[in-house]
PDB file of N, CA and C in Angstrom:
ATOM      1  N   MET A   1      37.108 115.681 115.751  1.00  0.00           N
ATOM      2  CA  MET A   1      36.849 116.910 116.548  1.00  0.00           C
ATOM      3  C   MET A   1      37.040 118.206 115.437  1.00  0.00           C
ATOM      4  N   GLU A   2      36.245 119.082 115.826  1.00  0.00           N
ATOM      5  CA  GLU A   2      36.309 120.453 114.769  1.00  0.00           C
ATOM      6  C   GLU A   2      37.637 121.035 115.243  1.00  0.00           C
ATOM      7  N   PRO A   3      38.196 121.784 114.257  1.00  0.00           N
ATOM      8  CA  PRO A   3      39.341 122.451 114.331  1.00  0.00           C
ATOM      9  C   PRO A   3      39.394 123.571 115.540  1.00  0.00           C
ATOM     10  N   LYS A   4      38.250 124.225 115.632  1.00  0.00           N
ATOM     11  CA  LYS A   4      38.197 125.326 116.604  1.00  0.00           C
ATOM     12  C   LYS A   4      38.212 124.619 117.994  1.00  0.00           C
ATOM     13  N   HIS A   5      37.643 123.521 118.274  1.00  0.00           N
ATOM     14  CA  HIS A   5      37.841 122.637 119.498  1.00  0.00           C
ATOM     15  C   HIS A   5      39.282 122.194 119.741  1.00  0.00           C
ATOM     16  N   ARG A   6      39.878 121.688 118.727  1.00  0.00           N
ATOM     17  CA  ARG A   6      41.264 121.116 118.532  1.00  0.00           C
ATOM     18  C   ARG A   6      42.194 122.324 119.127  1.00  0.00           C
ATOM     19  N   ASP A   7      41.951 123.580 118.423  1.00  0.00           N
ATOM     20  CA  ASP A   7      42.793 124.662 118.617  1.00  0.00           C
ATOM     21  C   ASP A   7      42.619 125.171 120.295  1.00  0.00           C
ATOM     22  N   LEU A   8      41.344 124.994 120.615  1.00  0.00           N
ATOM     23  CA  LEU A   8      41.018 125.492 121.972  1.00  0.00           C
ATOM     24  C   LEU A   8      41.739 124.572 122.920  1.00  0.00           C
ATOM     25  N   LEU A   9      41.710 123.211 122.685  1.00  0.00           N
ATOM     26  CA  LEU A   9      42.348 122.331 123.783  1.00  0.00           C
ATOM     27  C   LEU A   9      43.903 122.422 123.747  1.00  0.00           C
ATOM     28  N   ARG A  10      44.544 122.674 122.537  1.00  0.00           N
ATOM     29  CA  ARG A  10      45.898 122.979 122.536  1.00  0.00           C
ATOM     30  C   ARG A  10      46.215 124.328 123.271  1.00  0.00           C
ATOM     31  N   ALA A  11      45.409 125.399 123.006  1.00  0.00           N
ATOM     32  CA  ALA A  11      45.625 126.563 123.714  1.00  0.00           C
ATOM     33  C   ALA A  11      45.471 126.515 125.237  1.00  0.00           C
ATOM     34  N   GLN A  12      44.744 125.644 125.620  1.00  0.00           N
ATOM     35  CA  GLN A  12      44.603 125.606 127.151  1.00  0.00           C
ATOM     36  C   GLN A  12      45.230 124.359 127.822  1.00  0.00           C
ATOM     37  N   ARG A  13      46.109 123.653 126.963  1.00  0.00           N
ATOM     38  CA  ARG A  13      46.702 122.558 127.486  1.00  0.00           C
ATOM     39  C   ARG A  13      47.523 122.753 128.884  1.00  0.00           C
ATOM     40  N   LEU A  14      48.242 123.659 129.075  1.00  0.00           N
ATOM     41  CA  LEU A  14      48.994 123.776 130.256  1.00  0.00           C
ATOM     42  C   LEU A  14      48.183 124.172 131.378  1.00  0.00           C
ATOM     43  N   HIS A  15      47.102 125.024 131.228  1.00  0.00           N
ATOM     44  CA  HIS A  15      46.270 125.348 132.182  1.00  0.00           C
ATOM     45  C   HIS A  15      45.224 124.191 132.604  1.00  0.00           C
ATOM     46  N   LEU A  16      44.990 123.355 131.655  1.00  0.00           N
ATOM     47  CA  LEU A  16      44.287 122.076 131.833  1.00  0.00           C
ATOM     48  C   LEU A  16      45.080 121.164 132.793  1.00  0.00           C
ATOM     49  N   CYS A  17      46.362 121.050 132.427  1.00  0.00           N
ATOM     50  CA  CYS A  17      47.303 120.163 133.287  1.00  0.00           C
ATOM     51  C   CYS A  17      47.300 120.626 134.663  1.00  0.00           C
ATOM     52  N   GLU A  18      47.193 121.834 134.798  1.00  0.00           N
ATOM     53  CA  GLU A  18      47.384 122.449 136.371  1.00  0.00           C
ATOM     54  C   GLU A  18      45.946 122.192 137.200  1.00  0.00           C
ATOM     55  N   GLN A  19      44.882 122.183 136.262  1.00  0.00           N
ATOM     56  CA  GLN A  19      43.639 122.209 137.025  1.00  0.00           C
ATOM     57  C   GLN A  19      42.903 120.928 136.977  1.00  0.00           C
ATOM     58  N   LEU A  20      43.078 120.071 135.933  1.00  0.00           N
ATOM     59  CA  LEU A  20      42.326 119.008 135.722  1.00  0.00           C
ATOM     60  C   LEU A  20      43.101 117.657 136.440  1.00  0.00           C
ATOM     61  N   VAL A  21      42.208 116.823 137.089  1.00  0.00           N
ATOM     62  CA  VAL A  21      42.778 115.566 137.656  1.00  0.00           C
ATOM     63  C   VAL A  21      42.028 114.482 136.799  1.00  0.00           C
ATOM     64  N   VAL A  22      42.866 113.896 135.868  1.00  0.00           N
ATOM     65  CA  VAL A  22      42.285 112.812 135.129  1.00  0.00           C
ATOM     66  C   VAL A  22      42.133 111.725 135.815  1.00  0.00           C
ATOM     67  N   ASP A  23      41.002 111.248 136.404  1.00  0.00           N
ATOM     68  CA  ASP A  23      40.704 110.150 137.303  1.00  0.00           C
ATOM     69  C   ASP A  23      39.868 109.129 136.469  1.00  0.00           C
ATOM     70  N   GLU A  24      39.518 107.981 137.309  1.00  0.00           N
ATOM     71  CA  GLU A  24      38.761 106.766 136.769  1.00  0.00           C
ATOM     72  C   GLU A  24      37.462 107.366 136.177  1.00  0.00           C
ATOM     73  N   THR A  25      36.730 108.308 136.730  1.00  0.00           N
ATOM     74  CA  THR A  25      35.485 108.628 136.038  1.00  0.00           C
ATOM     75  C   THR A  25      35.578 109.371 134.842  1.00  0.00           C
ATOM     76  N   ILE A  26      36.457 110.144 134.735  1.00  0.00           N
ATOM     77  CA  ILE A  26      36.589 110.877 133.410  1.00  0.00           C
ATOM     78  C   ILE A  26      37.056 109.772 132.292  1.00  0.00           C
ATOM     79  N   VAL A  27      38.117 109.056 132.545  1.00  0.00           N
ATOM     80  CA  VAL A  27      38.655 107.938 131.628  1.00  0.00           C
ATOM     81  C   VAL A  27      37.373 106.943 131.258  1.00  0.00           C
ATOM     82  N   GLN A  28      36.713 106.434 132.294  1.00  0.00           N
ATOM     83  CA  GLN A  28      35.745 105.502 132.121  1.00  0.00           C
ATOM     84  C   GLN A  28      34.535 106.050 131.341  1.00  0.00           C
ATOM     85  N   TYR A  29      34.105 107.320 131.537  1.00  0.00           N
ATOM     86  CA  TYR A  29      33.077 107.805 130.833  1.00  0.00           C
ATOM     87  C   TYR A  29      33.366 107.997 129.337  1.00  0.00           C
ATOM     88  N   LEU A  30      34.571 108.663 129.049  1.00  0.00           N
ATOM     89  CA  LEU A  30      35.121 108.594 127.663  1.00  0.00           C
ATOM     90  C   LEU A  30      35.049 107.120 126.995  1.00  0.00           C
ATOM     91  N   TYR A  31      35.398 106.134 127.793  1.00  0.00           N
ATOM     92  CA  TYR A  31      35.436 104.598 127.207  1.00  0.00           C
ATOM     93  C   TYR A  31      33.977 104.315 127.038  1.00  0.00           C
ATOM     94  N   GLN A  32      33.202 104.571 127.888  1.00  0.00           N
ATOM     95  CA  GLN A  32      31.690 104.150 127.970  1.00  0.00           C
ATOM     96  C   GLN A  32      31.020 104.895 126.638  1.00  0.00           C
ATOM     97  N   GLU A  33      31.487 106.138 126.454  1.00  0.00           N
ATOM     98  CA  GLU A  33      30.835 106.862 125.204  1.00  0.00           C
ATOM     99  C   GLU A  33      31.692 106.490 124.040  1.00  0.00           C
ATOM    100  N   ASP A  34      32.513 105.657 123.899  1.00  0.00           N
ATOM    101  CA  ASP A  34      33.111 105.089 122.738  1.00  0.00           C
ATOM    102  C   ASP A  34      34.071 106.142 122.114  1.00  0.00           C
ATOM    103  N   ILE A  35      34.777 107.078 123.063  1.00  0.00           N
ATOM    104  CA  ILE A  35      35.632 108.037 122.612  1.00  0.00           C
ATOM    105  C   ILE A  35      36.933 107.590 122.767  1.00  0.00           C
ATOM    106  N   LEU A  36      37.290 106.722 123.850  1.00  0.00           N
ATOM    107  CA  LEU A  36      38.484 106.010 124.208  1.00  0.00           C
ATOM    108  C   LEU A  36      38.357 104.540 123.908  1.00  0.00           C
ATOM    109  N   THR A  37      39.426 103.926 123.404  1.00  0.00           N
ATOM    110  CA  THR A  37      39.435 102.383 123.221  1.00  0.00           C
ATOM    111  C   THR A  37      39.909 101.898 124.652  1.00  0.00           C
ATOM    112  N   GLU A  38      39.896 100.610 124.857  1.00  0.00           N
ATOM    113  CA  GLU A  38      40.391 100.140 125.936  1.00  0.00           C
ATOM    114  C   GLU A  38      41.821 100.122 126.180  1.00  0.00           C
ATOM    115  N   GLY A  39      42.565 100.051 125.009  1.00  0.00           N
ATOM    116  CA  GLY A  39      43.984 100.206 125.038  1.00  0.00           C
ATOM    117  C   GLY A  39      44.393 101.611 125.453  1.00  0.00           C
ATOM    118  N   GLN A  40      43.738 102.617 124.883  1.00  0.00           N
ATOM    119  CA  GLN A  40      43.832 104.036 125.345  1.00  0.00           C
ATOM    120  C   GLN A  40      43.636 104.310 126.792  1.00  0.00           C
ATOM    121  N   VAL A  41      42.628 103.732 127.285  1.00  0.00           N
ATOM    122  CA  VAL A  41      42.184 103.832 128.806  1.00  0.00           C
ATOM    123  C   VAL A  41      43.474 103.204 129.399  1.00  0.00           C
ATOM    124  N   GLU A  42      43.935 101.915 129.224  1.00  0.00           N
ATOM    125  CA  GLU A  42      45.077 101.521 129.830  1.00  0.00           C
ATOM    126  C   GLU A  42      46.257 102.241 129.745  1.00  0.00           C
ATOM    127  N   GLU A  43      46.539 102.875 128.659  1.00  0.00           N
ATOM    128  CA  GLU A  43      47.793 103.717 128.489  1.00  0.00           C
ATOM    129  C   GLU A  43      47.739 104.917 129.243  1.00  0.00           C
ATOM    130  N   ILE A  44      46.598 105.458 129.370  1.00  0.00           N
ATOM    131  CA  ILE A  44      46.370 106.743 130.074  1.00  0.00           C
ATOM    132  C   ILE A  44      46.653 106.334 131.818  1.00  0.00           C
ATOM    133  N   GLN A  45      45.918 105.232 132.101  1.00  0.00           N
ATOM    134  CA  GLN A  45      46.054 104.883 133.391  1.00  0.00           C
ATOM    135  C   GLN A  45      47.441 104.399 134.004  1.00  0.00           C
ATOM    136  N   SER A  46      48.231 104.090 133.014  1.00  0.00           N
ATOM    137  CA  SER A  46      49.572 103.536 133.452  1.00  0.00           C
ATOM    138  C   SER A  46      50.490 104.548 133.578  1.00  0.00           C
ATOM    139  N   GLN A  47      50.297 105.899 133.264  1.00  0.00           N
ATOM    140  CA  GLN A  47      51.068 106.990 133.371  1.00  0.00           C
ATOM    141  C   GLN A  47      51.216 107.409 134.789  1.00  0.00           C
ATOM    142  N   LYS A  48      52.393 107.727 135.290  1.00  0.00           N
ATOM    143  CA  LYS A  48      52.697 107.824 136.756  1.00  0.00           C
ATOM    144  C   LYS A  48      52.220 109.088 137.344  1.00  0.00           C
ATOM    145  N   SER A  49      51.997 110.141 136.555  1.00  0.00           N
ATOM    146  CA  SER A  49      51.635 111.290 137.179  1.00  0.00           C
ATOM    147  C   SER A  49      50.403 111.916 136.670  1.00  0.00           C
ATOM    148  N   ASN A  50      49.676 112.528 137.197  1.00  0.00           N
ATOM    149  CA  ASN A  50      48.507 113.251 136.713  1.00  0.00           C
ATOM    150  C   ASN A  50      48.677 114.184 135.554  1.00  0.00           C
ATOM    151  N   LYS A  51      49.846 114.742 135.589  1.00  0.00           N
ATOM    152  CA  LYS A  51      50.290 115.631 134.465  1.00  0.00           C
ATOM    153  C   LYS A  51      50.405 114.919 133.195  1.00  0.00           C
ATOM    154  N   ASN A  52      51.026 113.814 133.260  1.00  0.00           N
ATOM    155  CA  ASN A  52      51.261 112.887 132.062  1.00  0.00           C
ATOM    156  C   ASN A  52      49.917 112.374 131.616  1.00  0.00           C
ATOM    157  N   LYS A  53      49.068 111.890 132.606  1.00  0.00           N
ATOM    158  CA  LYS A  53      47.751 111.398 132.317  1.00  0.00           C
ATOM    159  C   LYS A  53      47.091 112.380 131.375  1.00  0.00           C
ATOM    160  N   THR A  54      46.921 113.571 131.834  1.00  0.00           N
ATOM    161  CA  THR A  54      46.272 114.648 131.233  1.00  0.00           C
ATOM    162  C   THR A  54      46.797 115.044 129.949  1.00  0.00           C
ATOM    163  N   LEU A  55      48.294 115.121 129.786  1.00  0.00           N
ATOM    164  CA  LEU A  55      48.776 115.373 128.453  1.00  0.00           C
ATOM    165  C   LEU A  55      48.569 114.286 127.495  1.00  0.00           C
ATOM    166  N   LEU A  56      48.448 112.972 127.892  1.00  0.00           N
ATOM    167  CA  LEU A  56      48.277 111.946 127.070  1.00  0.00           C
ATOM    168  C   LEU A  56      46.708 112.020 126.676  1.00  0.00           C
ATOM    169  N   LEU A  57      45.871 112.235 127.334  1.00  0.00           N
ATOM    170  CA  LEU A  57      44.453 112.414 127.093  1.00  0.00           C
ATOM    171  C   LEU A  57      44.277 113.474 126.089  1.00  0.00           C
ATOM    172  N   LEU A  58      45.044 114.659 126.313  1.00  0.00           N
ATOM    173  CA  LEU A  58      44.669 115.909 125.395  1.00  0.00           C
ATOM    174  C   LEU A  58      45.357 115.556 124.085  1.00  0.00           C
ATOM    175  N   SER A  59      46.374 114.727 124.025  1.00  0.00           N
ATOM    176  CA  SER A  59      46.922 114.332 122.824  1.00  0.00           C
ATOM    177  C   SER A  59      46.063 113.312 122.031  1.00  0.00           C
ATOM    178  N   ILE A  60      45.359 112.466 122.612  1.00  0.00           N
ATOM    179  CA  ILE A  60      44.520 111.470 122.141  1.00  0.00           C
ATOM    180  C   ILE A  60      43.278 112.091 121.441  1.00  0.00           C
ATOM    181  N   LEU A  61      42.721 112.801 122.362  1.00  0.00           N
ATOM    182  CA  LEU A  61      41.195 113.441 122.049  1.00  0.00           C
ATOM    183  C   LEU A  61      40.977 114.019 120.620  1.00  0.00           C
ATOM    184  N   PRO A  62      41.738 114.855 120.269  1.00  0.00           N
ATOM    185  CA  PRO A  62      41.626 115.488 118.799  1.00  0.00           C
ATOM    186  C   PRO A  62      41.366 114.543 117.658  1.00  0.00           C
ATOM    187  N   ASN A  63      42.038 113.286 117.819  1.00  0.00           N
ATOM    188  CA  ASN A  63      41.857 112.149 116.924  1.00  0.00           C
ATOM    189  C   ASN A  63      40.587 111.213 117.081  1.00  0.00           C
ATOM    190  N   ARG A  64      39.793 111.482 117.895  1.00  0.00           N
ATOM    191  CA  ARG A  64      38.920 110.534 118.405  1.00  0.00           C
ATOM    192  C   ARG A  64      37.337 111.068 117.823  1.00  0.00           C
ATOM    193  N   GLY A  65      37.288 111.597 116.906  1.00  0.00           N
ATOM    194  CA  GLY A  65      36.032 111.679 116.066  1.00  0.00           C
ATOM    195  C   GLY A  65      35.424 113.022 116.460  1.00  0.00           C
ATOM    196  N   PRO A  66      34.273 113.227 115.695  1.00  0.00           N
ATOM    197  CA  PRO A  66      33.434 114.575 115.637  1.00  0.00           C
ATOM    198  C   PRO A  66      32.901 114.842 117.222  1.00  0.00           C
ATOM    199  N   ASN A  67      32.620 113.875 117.992  1.00  0.00           N
ATOM    200  CA  ASN A  67      31.967 114.084 119.257  1.00  0.00           C
ATOM    201  C   ASN A  67      32.973 114.182 120.526  1.00  0.00           C
ATOM    202  N   ALA A  68      34.197 114.017 120.240  1.00  0.00           N
ATOM    203  CA  ALA A  68      35.066 113.953 121.142  1.00  0.00           C
ATOM    204  C   ALA A  68      35.178 115.024 122.173  1.00  0.00           C
ATOM    205  N   PHE A  69      35.218 116.432 121.634  1.00  0.00           N
ATOM    206  CA  PHE A  69      35.349 117.413 122.490  1.00  0.00           C
ATOM    207  C   PHE A  69      33.957 117.572 123.482  1.00  0.00           C
ATOM    208  N   ASN A  70      32.907 117.358 122.787  1.00  0.00           N
ATOM    209  CA  ASN A  70      31.549 117.419 123.683  1.00  0.00           C
ATOM    210  C   ASN A  70      31.433 116.487 124.701  1.00  0.00           C
ATOM    211  N   VAL A  71      31.827 115.282 124.335  1.00  0.00           N
ATOM    212  CA  VAL A  71      31.856 114.194 125.437  1.00  0.00           C
ATOM    213  C   VAL A  71      32.875 114.492 126.517  1.00  0.00           C
ATOM    214  N   PHE A  72      33.920 114.913 125.982  1.00  0.00           N
ATOM    215  CA  PHE A  72      35.076 115.271 127.114  1.00  0.00           C
ATOM    216  C   PHE A  72      34.556 116.354 127.959  1.00  0.00           C
ATOM    217  N   VAL A  73      33.974 117.413 127.406  1.00  0.00           N
ATOM    218  CA  VAL A  73      33.336 118.457 128.138  1.00  0.00           C
ATOM    219  C   VAL A  73      32.272 118.053 129.093  1.00  0.00           C
ATOM    220  N   GLN A  74      31.544 117.069 128.684  1.00  0.00           N
ATOM    221  CA  GLN A  74      30.431 116.657 129.514  1.00  0.00           C
ATOM    222  C   GLN A  74      31.149 115.606 130.610  1.00  0.00           C
ATOM    223  N   SER A  75      32.109 114.957 130.356  1.00  0.00           N
ATOM    224  CA  SER A  75      32.858 114.158 131.435  1.00  0.00           C
ATOM    225  C   SER A  75      33.232 115.086 132.554  1.00  0.00           C
ATOM    226  N   LEU A  76      33.438 116.339 132.484  1.00  0.00           N
ATOM    227  CA  LEU A  76      33.892 117.243 133.510  1.00  0.00           C
ATOM    228  C   LEU A  76      32.836 117.620 134.514  1.00  0.00           C
ATOM    229  N   GLU A  77      31.539 117.444 134.119  1.00  0.00           N
ATOM    230  CA  GLU A  77      30.348 117.816 134.759  1.00  0.00           C
ATOM    231  C   GLU A  77      30.267 117.658 136.267  1.00  0.00           C
ATOM    232  N   GLN A  78      30.678 116.642 136.753  1.00  0.00           N
ATOM    233  CA  GLN A  78      30.450 116.201 138.196  1.00  0.00           C
ATOM    234  C   GLN A  78      31.612 116.748 138.942  1.00  0.00           C
ATOM    235  N   ASP A  79      32.987 116.498 138.601  1.00  0.00           N
ATOM    236  CA  ASP A  79      34.035 116.869 139.285  1.00  0.00           C
ATOM    237  C   ASP A  79      34.803 118.349 139.011  1.00  0.00           C
ATOM    238  N   PHE A  80      34.462 118.652 137.797  1.00  0.00           N
ATOM    239  CA  PHE A  80      35.249 119.920 137.468  1.00  0.00           C
ATOM    240  C   PHE A  80      34.228 120.819 136.652  1.00  0.00           C
ATOM    241  N   PRO A  81      33.031 121.121 137.131  1.00  0.00           N
ATOM    242  CA  PRO A  81      32.060 121.942 136.535  1.00  0.00           C
ATOM    243  C   PRO A  81      32.652 123.280 136.138  1.00  0.00           C
ATOM    244  N   TRP A  82      33.597 124.052 136.767  1.00  0.00           N
ATOM    245  CA  TRP A  82      34.162 125.265 136.380  1.00  0.00           C
ATOM    246  C   TRP A  82      34.979 125.137 135.219  1.00  0.00           C
ATOM    247  N   ILE A  83      35.642 124.067 134.998  1.00  0.00           N
ATOM    248  CA  ILE A  83      36.426 123.782 133.744  1.00  0.00           C
ATOM    249  C   ILE A  83      35.451 123.690 132.558  1.00  0.00           C
ATOM    250  N   LYS A  84      34.496 122.841 132.842  1.00  0.00           N
ATOM    251  CA  LYS A  84      33.506 122.499 131.784  1.00  0.00           C
ATOM    252  C   LYS A  84      32.915 123.813 131.329  1.00  0.00           C
ATOM    253  N   GLU A  85      32.473 124.791 132.309  1.00  0.00           N
ATOM    254  CA  GLU A  85      31.805 126.143 131.910  1.00  0.00           C
ATOM    255  C   GLU A  85      32.833 127.029 131.164  1.00  0.00           C
ATOM    256  N   LYS A  86      34.060 126.993 131.724  1.00  0.00           N
ATOM    257  CA  LYS A  86      34.991 127.946 131.008  1.00  0.00           C
ATOM    258  C   LYS A  86      35.387 127.462 129.377  1.00  0.00           C
ATOM    259  N   LEU A  87      35.457 125.987 129.367  1.00  0.00           N
ATOM    260  CA  LEU A  87      35.836 125.493 128.096  1.00  0.00           C
ATOM    261  C   LEU A  87      34.601 125.784 127.040  1.00  0.00           C
ATOM    262  N   LEU A  88      33.377 125.663 127.446  1.00  0.00           N
ATOM    263  CA  LEU A  88      32.202 126.040 126.688  1.00  0.00           C
ATOM    264  C   LEU A  88      32.102 127.721 126.400  1.00  0.00           C
ATOM    265  N   LEU A  89      32.352 128.310 127.492  1.00  0.00           N
ATOM    266  CA  LEU A  89      32.412 129.783 127.295  1.00  0.00           C
ATOM    267  C   LEU A  89      33.482 130.197 126.145  1.00  0.00           C
ATOM    268  N   LEU A  90      34.706 129.640 126.519  1.00  0.00           N
ATOM    269  CA  LEU A  90      35.887 130.040 125.377  1.00  0.00           C
ATOM    270  C   LEU A  90      35.527 129.541 124.124  1.00  0.00           C
ATOM    271  N   ALA A  91      34.888 128.444 123.817  1.00  0.00           N
ATOM    272  CA  ALA A  91      34.520 127.943 122.559  1.00  0.00           C
ATOM    273  C   ALA A  91      33.419 128.770 121.986  1.00  0.00           C
ATOM    274  N   ASP A  92      32.532 129.084 122.664  1.00  0.00           N
ATOM    275  CA  ASP A  92      31.427 130.090 122.284  1.00  0.00           C
ATOM    276  C   ASP A  92      32.008 131.510 121.847  1.00  0.00           C
ATOM    277  N   GLU A  93      32.769 132.019 122.877  1.00  0.00           N
ATOM    278  CA  GLU A  93      33.578 133.391 122.534  1.00  0.00           C
ATOM    279  C   GLU A  93      34.432 133.405 121.324  1.00  0.00           C
ATOM    280  N   ASP A  94      35.107 132.294 121.355  1.00  0.00           N
ATOM    281  CA  ASP A  94      36.001 132.277 120.087  1.00  0.00           C
ATOM    282  C   ASP A  94      35.296 132.118 118.725  1.00  0.00           C
ATOM    283  N   GLU A  95      34.087 131.429 118.641  1.00  0.00           N
ATOM    284  CA  GLU A  95      33.336 131.364 117.637  1.00  0.00           C
ATOM    285  C   GLU A  95      32.736 132.827 117.379  1.00  0.00           C
ATOM    286  N   GLN A  96      32.394 133.484 118.279  1.00  0.00           N
ATOM    287  CA  GLN A  96      31.702 134.911 118.200  1.00  0.00           C
ATOM    288  C   GLN A  96      32.794 135.832 117.772  1.00  0.00           C
ATOM    289  N   ASP A  97      33.993 135.735 118.279  1.00  0.00           N
ATOM    290  CA  ASP A  97      35.103 136.617 117.912  1.00  0.00           C
ATOM    291  C   ASP A  97      35.840 136.357 116.721  1.00  0.00           C
ATOM    292  N   GLY A  98      35.435 135.393 116.085  1.00  0.00           N
ATOM    293  CA  GLY A  98      36.204 134.956 114.703  1.00  0.00           C
ATOM    294  C   GLY A  98      37.573 134.350 115.147  1.00  0.00           C
ATOM    295  N   GLY A  99      37.647 133.709 116.132  1.00  0.00           N
ATOM    296  CA  GLY A  99      38.941 133.022 116.450  1.00  0.00           C
ATOM    297  C   GLY A  99      39.892 133.833 116.944  1.00  0.00           C
ATOM    298  N   ARG A 100      39.690 135.087 117.680  1.00  0.00           N
ATOM    299  CA  ARG A 100      40.796 135.905 118.142  1.00  0.00           C
ATOM    300  C   ARG A 100      41.578 135.242 119.240  1.00  0.00           C
ATOM    301  N   GLY A 101      41.119 134.560 120.143  1.00  0.00           N
ATOM    302  CA  GLY A 101      41.586 133.730 121.065  1.00  0.00           C
ATOM    303  C   GLY A 101      41.458 134.048 122.439  1.00  0.00           C
ATOM    304  N   THR A 102      41.425 133.102 123.248  1.00  0.00           N
ATOM    305  CA  THR A 102      41.307 133.555 124.729  1.00  0.00           C
ATOM    306  C   THR A 102      42.233 132.480 125.294  1.00  0.00           C
ATOM    307  N   GLU A 103      42.496 132.577 126.588  1.00  0.00           N
ATOM    308  CA  GLU A 103      43.097 131.696 127.532  1.00  0.00           C
ATOM    309  C   GLU A 103      42.713 131.598 128.992  1.00  0.00           C
ATOM    310  N   LEU A 104      42.807 130.465 129.587  1.00  0.00           N
ATOM    311  CA  LEU A 104      42.346 130.528 130.952  1.00  0.00           C
ATOM    312  C   LEU A 104      43.423 130.736 131.874  1.00  0.00           C
ATOM    313  N   SER A 105      43.192 131.459 133.042  1.00  0.00           N
ATOM    314  CA  SER A 105      44.224 131.739 134.008  1.00  0.00           C
ATOM    315  C   SER A 105      43.657 131.355 135.145  1.00  0.00           C
ATOM    316  N   ASN A 106      44.608 131.084 136.211  1.00  0.00           N
ATOM    317  CA  ASN A 106      44.064 130.559 137.567  1.00  0.00           C
ATOM    318  C   ASN A 106      44.465 131.698 138.506  1.00  0.00           C
ATOM    319  N   THR A 107      43.404 132.250 139.076  1.00  0.00           N
ATOM    320  CA  THR A 107      43.668 133.436 140.098  1.00  0.00           C
ATOM    321  C   THR A 107      42.986 132.923 141.403  1.00  0.00           C
ATOM    322  N   THR A 108      43.715 132.734 142.417  1.00  0.00           N
ATOM    323  CA  THR A 108      43.483 132.366 143.672  1.00  0.00           C
ATOM    324  C   THR A 108      42.500 131.180 143.629  1.00  0.00           C
ATOM    325  N   GLY A 109      43.016 130.254 142.915  1.00  0.00           N
ATOM    326  CA  GLY A 109      42.283 129.044 142.826  1.00  0.00           C
ATOM    327  C   GLY A 109      41.125 128.902 141.899  1.00  0.00           C
ATOM    328  N   HIS A 110      40.770 130.092 141.269  1.00  0.00           N
ATOM    329  CA  HIS A 110      39.525 129.920 140.420  1.00  0.00           C
ATOM    330  C   HIS A 110      40.076 130.080 138.957  1.00  0.00           C
ATOM    331  N   MET A 111      39.214 129.577 138.049  1.00  0.00           N
ATOM    332  CA  MET A 111      39.540 129.820 136.717  1.00  0.00           C
ATOM    333  C   MET A 111      38.946 131.052 136.274  1.00  0.00           C
ATOM    334  N   GLN A 112      39.387 131.822 135.281  1.00  0.00           N
ATOM    335  CA  GLN A 112      39.007 132.867 134.822  1.00  0.00           C
ATOM    336  C   GLN A 112      39.285 133.017 133.228  1.00  0.00           C
ATOM    337  N   ALA A 113      38.671 133.633 132.506  1.00  0.00           N
ATOM    338  CA  ALA A 113      39.003 133.844 131.198  1.00  0.00           C
ATOM    339  C   ALA A 113      39.722 135.135 130.874  1.00  0.00           C
ATOM    340  N   VAL A 114      40.926 135.211 130.169  1.00  0.00           N
ATOM    341  CA  VAL A 114      41.621 136.276 129.836  1.00  0.00           C
ATOM    342  C   VAL A 114      41.680 136.413 128.439  1.00  0.00           C
ATOM    343  N   PHE A 115      41.181 137.490 127.837  1.00  0.00           N
ATOM    344  CA  PHE A 115      41.051 137.757 126.475  1.00  0.00           C
ATOM    345  C   PHE A 115      42.376 138.340 125.793  1.00  0.00           C
ATOM    346  N   LEU A 116      42.701 137.778 124.898  1.00  0.00           N
ATOM    347  CA  LEU A 116      43.997 138.274 124.242  1.00  0.00           C
ATOM    348  C   LEU A 116      43.560 139.314 123.045  1.00  0.00           C
TER     349      LEU A 116
END
């Protein structure tokens, strides 16, 4: 994973925990695309709460190769398209702004970008 993507996921960690439900679809897609191992899938699924599943997934992803960010974002397409769009937007803006930084905020149930 590129450092800019690793930094973006770290910066959005708490917001993703609030918005993202790490379900079977996301985990199995990441397994299918060889981002997660079978053991990692089992470890994520064994977590009791969604927050713990999300935190564990976000801890694993940065070490899963150069395609991990893009495949993760693609896994959000069906159930979390607004998160996918915002992550791509923030990644693009971060690149254009030279890494100034942005964060997601939740306003009345919708994600929006807040520029720092």
